[in-house]
C-alpha atoms as a PDB file:
ATOM      1  CA  UNK A   1      13.560  38.172  19.088  1.00  0.00           C
ATOM      2  CA  UNK A   2      14.008  34.438  19.460  1.00  0.00           C
ATOM      3  CA  UNK A   3      15.042  32.761  22.717  1.00  0.00           C
ATOM      4  CA  UNK A   4      16.027  29.174  23.398  1.00  0.00           C
ATOM      5  CA  UNK A   5      14.433  27.246  26.215  1.00  0.00           C
ATOM      6  CA  UNK A   6      15.226  24.081  28.110  1.00  0.00           C
ATOM      7  CA  UNK A   7      12.939  21.060  28.184  1.00  0.00           C
ATOM      8  CA  UNK A   8      12.606  18.803  31.203  1.00  0.00           C
ATOM      9  CA  UNK A   9      14.035  15.324  30.710  1.00  0.00           C
ATOM     10  CA  UNK A  10      10.590  13.917  29.952  1.00  0.00           C
ATOM     11  CA  UNK A  11      10.209  16.454  27.120  1.00  0.00           C
ATOM     12  CA  UNK A  12       7.144  18.064  28.655  1.00  0.00           C
ATOM     13  CA  UNK A  13       7.785  21.221  30.654  1.00  0.00           C
ATOM     14  CA  UNK A  14       9.318  24.328  29.102  1.00  0.00           C
ATOM     15  CA  UNK A  15      11.903  25.913  31.411  1.00  0.00           C
ATOM     16  CA  UNK A  16      12.919  29.573  31.041  1.00  0.00           C
ATOM     17  CA  UNK A  17      15.208  31.742  33.137  1.00  0.00           C
ATOM     18  CA  UNK A  18      14.033  34.922  34.809  1.00  0.00           C
ATOM     19  CA  UNK A  19      15.871  37.649  36.646  1.00  0.00           C
ATOM     20  CA  UNK A  20      14.109  39.015  39.702  1.00  0.00           C
ATOM     21  CA  UNK A  21      15.040  42.541  40.816  1.00  0.00           C
ATOM     22  CA  UNK A  22      18.198  42.542  38.652  1.00  0.00           C
ATOM     23  CA  UNK A  23      19.930  40.052  40.978  1.00  0.00           C
ATOM     24  CA  UNK A  24      18.183  36.721  41.535  1.00  0.00           C
ATOM     25  CA  UNK A  25      18.171  34.188  38.707  1.00  0.00           C
ATOM     26  CA  UNK A  26      15.290  31.714  38.840  1.00  0.00           C
ATOM     27  CA  UNK A  27      14.232  28.731  36.726  1.00  0.00           C
ATOM     28  CA  UNK A  28      10.546  28.917  35.837  1.00  0.00           C
ATOM     29  CA  UNK A  29       8.120  26.708  33.954  1.00  0.00           C
ATOM     30  CA  UNK A  30       6.478  28.634  31.129  1.00  0.00           C
ATOM     31  CA  UNK A  31       2.847  27.715  31.722  1.00  0.00           C
ATOM     32  CA  UNK A  32       0.408  29.138  29.159  1.00  0.00           C
ATOM     33  CA  UNK A  33      -2.444  27.531  31.112  1.00  0.00           C
ATOM     34  CA  UNK A  34      -1.574  29.568  34.217  1.00  0.00           C
ATOM     35  CA  UNK A  35      -3.215  32.995  34.403  1.00  0.00           C
ATOM     36  CA  UNK A  36      -0.873  34.419  37.044  1.00  0.00           C
ATOM     37  CA  UNK A  37       2.842  34.073  37.603  1.00  0.00           C
ATOM     38  CA  UNK A  38       3.497  32.052  40.747  1.00  0.00           C
ATOM     39  CA  UNK A  39       6.815  31.771  42.582  1.00  0.00           C
ATOM     40  CA  UNK A  40       7.811  29.409  45.374  1.00  0.00           C
ATOM     41  CA  UNK A  41       7.902  31.275  48.689  1.00  0.00           C
ATOM     42  CA  UNK A  42      11.390  29.939  49.450  1.00  0.00           C
ATOM     43  CA  UNK A  43      12.780  31.404  46.200  1.00  0.00           C
ATOM     44  CA  UNK A  44      11.116  34.740  46.940  1.00  0.00           C
ATOM     45  CA  UNK A  45      12.520  34.747  50.472  1.00  0.00           C
ATOM     46  CA  UNK A  46      16.032  34.098  49.122  1.00  0.00           C
ATOM     47  CA  UNK A  47      15.506  37.068  46.759  1.00  0.00           C
ATOM     48  CA  UNK A  48      15.060  39.326  49.791  1.00  0.00           C
ATOM     49  CA  UNK A  49      11.302  39.450  50.313  1.00  0.00           C
ATOM     50  CA  UNK A  50       9.573  38.653  53.596  1.00  0.00           C
ATOM     51  CA  UNK A  51       6.086  37.295  54.280  1.00  0.00           C
ATOM     52  CA  UNK A  52       5.098  40.650  55.784  1.00  0.00           C
ATOM     53  CA  UNK A  53       5.642  42.172  52.302  1.00  0.00           C
ATOM     54  CA  UNK A  54       2.482  40.475  50.952  1.00  0.00           C
ATOM     55  CA  UNK A  55      -0.129  42.918  49.668  1.00  0.00           C
ATOM     56  CA  UNK A  56      -3.113  40.569  49.733  1.00  0.00           C
ATOM     57  CA  UNK A  57      -4.292  36.980  50.121  1.00  0.00           C
ATOM     58  CA  UNK A  58      -6.187  35.312  47.272  1.00  0.00           C
ATOM     59  CA  UNK A  59      -7.648  31.919  46.501  1.00  0.00           C
ATOM     60  CA  UNK A  60      -6.294  30.213  43.401  1.00  0.00           C
ATOM     61  CA  UNK A  61      -7.451  27.130  41.575  1.00  0.00           C
ATOM     62  CA  UNK A  62      -4.770  24.486  41.083  1.00  0.00           C
ATOM     63  CA  UNK A  63      -4.791  20.956  39.729  1.00  0.00           C
ATOM     64  CA  UNK A  64      -5.186  19.860  43.377  1.00  0.00           C
ATOM     65  CA  UNK A  65      -8.095  22.178  44.183  1.00  0.00           C
ATOM     66  CA  UNK A  66      -8.414  25.676  45.600  1.00  0.00           C
ATOM     67  CA  UNK A  67      -5.583  26.991  47.793  1.00  0.00           C
ATOM     68  CA  UNK A  68      -4.711  30.316  49.383  1.00  0.00           C
ATOM     69  CA  UNK A  69      -1.806  32.302  47.991  1.00  0.00           C
ATOM     70  CA  UNK A  70      -0.176  35.560  49.017  1.00  0.00           C
ATOM     71  CA  UNK A  71       0.280  38.265  46.398  1.00  0.00           C
ATOM     72  CA  UNK A  72       3.492  40.282  46.290  1.00  0.00           C
ATOM     73  CA  UNK A  73       4.561  43.169  44.129  1.00  0.00           C
ATOM     74  CA  UNK A  74       8.136  42.637  42.970  1.00  0.00           C
ATOM     75  CA  UNK A  75      10.270  45.532  41.820  1.00  0.00           C
ATOM     76  CA  UNK A  76      11.189  43.953  38.495  1.00  0.00           C
ATOM     77  CA  UNK A  77      10.959  40.656  36.646  1.00  0.00           C
ATOM     78  CA  UNK A  78      12.730  40.041  33.349  1.00  0.00           C
ATOM     79  CA  UNK A  79      12.769  37.141  30.900  1.00  0.00           C
ATOM     80  CA  UNK A  80      13.027  36.613  27.138  1.00  0.00           C
ATOM     81  CA  UNK A  81      13.579  40.325  26.508  1.00  0.00           C
ATOM     82  CA  UNK A  82      10.432  41.306  28.432  1.00  0.00           C
ATOM     83  CA  UNK A  83      10.752  43.508  31.517  1.00  0.00           C
ATOM     84  CA  UNK A  84       7.869  44.129  33.913  1.00  0.00           C
ATOM     85  CA  UNK A  85       8.250  46.671  36.717  1.00  0.00           C
ATOM     86  CA  UNK A  86       6.121  46.648  39.875  1.00  0.00           C
ATOM     87  CA  UNK A  87       4.747  43.277  38.791  1.00  0.00           C
ATOM     88  CA  UNK A  88       2.319  41.363  40.984  1.00  0.00           C
ATOM     89  CA  UNK A  89       3.032  37.679  41.526  1.00  0.00           C
ATOM     90  CA  UNK A  90       1.382  34.958  43.525  1.00  0.00           C
ATOM     91  CA  UNK A  91       3.490  33.129  46.079  1.00  0.00           C
ATOM     92  CA  UNK A  92       2.964  29.543  47.156  1.00  0.00           C
ATOM     93  CA  UNK A  93       5.017  27.398  49.526  1.00  0.00           C
ATOM     94  CA  UNK A  94       5.899  24.459  47.286  1.00  0.00           C
ATOM     95  CA  UNK A  95       7.729  22.442  49.940  1.00  0.00           C
ATOM     96  CA  UNK A  96       5.010  22.619  52.600  1.00  0.00           C
ATOM     97  CA  UNK A  97       2.501  21.376  50.012  1.00  0.00           C
ATOM     98  CA  UNK A  98       4.646  18.417  48.975  1.00  0.00           C
ATOM     99  CA  UNK A  99       5.932  19.902  45.732  1.00  0.00           C
ATOM    100  CA  UNK A 100       9.540  18.905  45.115  1.00  0.00           C
ATOM    101  CA  UNK A 101      10.888  20.338  41.875  1.00  0.00           C
ATOM    102  CA  UNK A 102      13.976  21.695  40.206  1.00  0.00           C
ATOM    103  CA  UNK A 103      12.208  24.901  39.177  1.00  0.00           C
ATOM    104  CA  UNK A 104      11.194  27.978  41.190  1.00  0.00           C
ATOM    105  CA  UNK A 105       7.706  28.678  39.898  1.00  0.00           C
ATOM    106  CA  UNK A 106       5.385  29.169  36.958  1.00  0.00           C
ATOM    107  CA  UNK A 107       5.679  32.028  34.489  1.00  0.00           C
ATOM    108  CA  UNK A 108       2.055  32.703  33.581  1.00  0.00           C
ATOM    109  CA  UNK A 109       0.190  34.449  30.805  1.00  0.00           C
ATOM    110  CA  UNK A 110       0.109  37.696  32.791  1.00  0.00           C
ATOM    111  CA  UNK A 111       3.833  38.052  32.118  1.00  0.00           C
ATOM    112  CA  UNK A 112       3.298  37.689  28.363  1.00  0.00           C
ATOM    113  CA  UNK A 113       0.494  40.277  28.296  1.00  0.00           C
ATOM    114  CA  UNK A 114       1.004  42.759  25.459  1.00  0.00           C
ATOM    115  CA  UNK A 115       3.223  40.475  23.411  1.00  0.00           C
ATOM    116  CA  UNK A 116       2.839  38.169  20.476  1.00  0.00           C
ATOM    117  CA  UNK A 117       4.655  34.904  21.042  1.00  0.00           C
ATOM    118  CA  UNK A 118       5.194  31.631  19.237  1.00  0.00           C
ATOM    119  CA  UNK A 119       6.499  28.495  20.924  1.00  0.00           C
ATOM    120  CA  UNK A 120       8.374  26.171  18.584  1.00  0.00           C
ATOM    121  CA  UNK A 121       8.683  22.827  20.368  1.00  0.00           C
ATOM    122  CA  UNK A 122      10.688  21.289  17.517  1.00  0.00           C
ATOM    123  CA  UNK A 123      13.489  23.861  17.826  1.00  0.00           C
ATOM    124  CA  UNK A 124      12.966  24.603  21.555  1.00  0.00           C
ATOM    125  CA  UNK A 125      12.607  28.307  20.785  1.00  0.00           C
ATOM    126  CA  UNK A 126      10.202  31.064  21.709  1.00  0.00           C
ATOM    127  CA  UNK A 127       9.791  34.046  19.405  1.00  0.00           C
ATOM    128  CA  UNK A 128       8.572  37.218  21.131  1.00  0.00           C
ATOM    129  CA  UNK A 129       7.394  40.420  19.489  1.00  0.00           C
ATOM    130  CA  UNK A 130       5.479  43.467  20.665  1.00  0.00           C
ATOM    131  CA  UNK A 131       1.998  43.882  19.289  1.00  0.00           C
END
């Protein structure tokens, strides 16, 4: 299946939509350099999760160094025809760390696990197929 994506105004970031728990629609950057999907804590809170729902605390390496991040297990995350149930995500408070953006997080390679995908930046399309 082929899915269209949005590009940021500068032509760099690839923006895709996700549905969290069949109700919350979020805008995510597709980041193939990111091992784990990471969502802004404010977006997760608005989706109905609370900080007490975290299952562990991990250290992650970012462009700005190593930071601590909570890990949550969400009921379901869906994008580009892929559905993951009981999917673990990392949560980071963008605002408190000075990150002001018009997206809600990073969709990492863990979400694409088990798929074959091709990103066509000329047509702004992603083709997804199961292995």
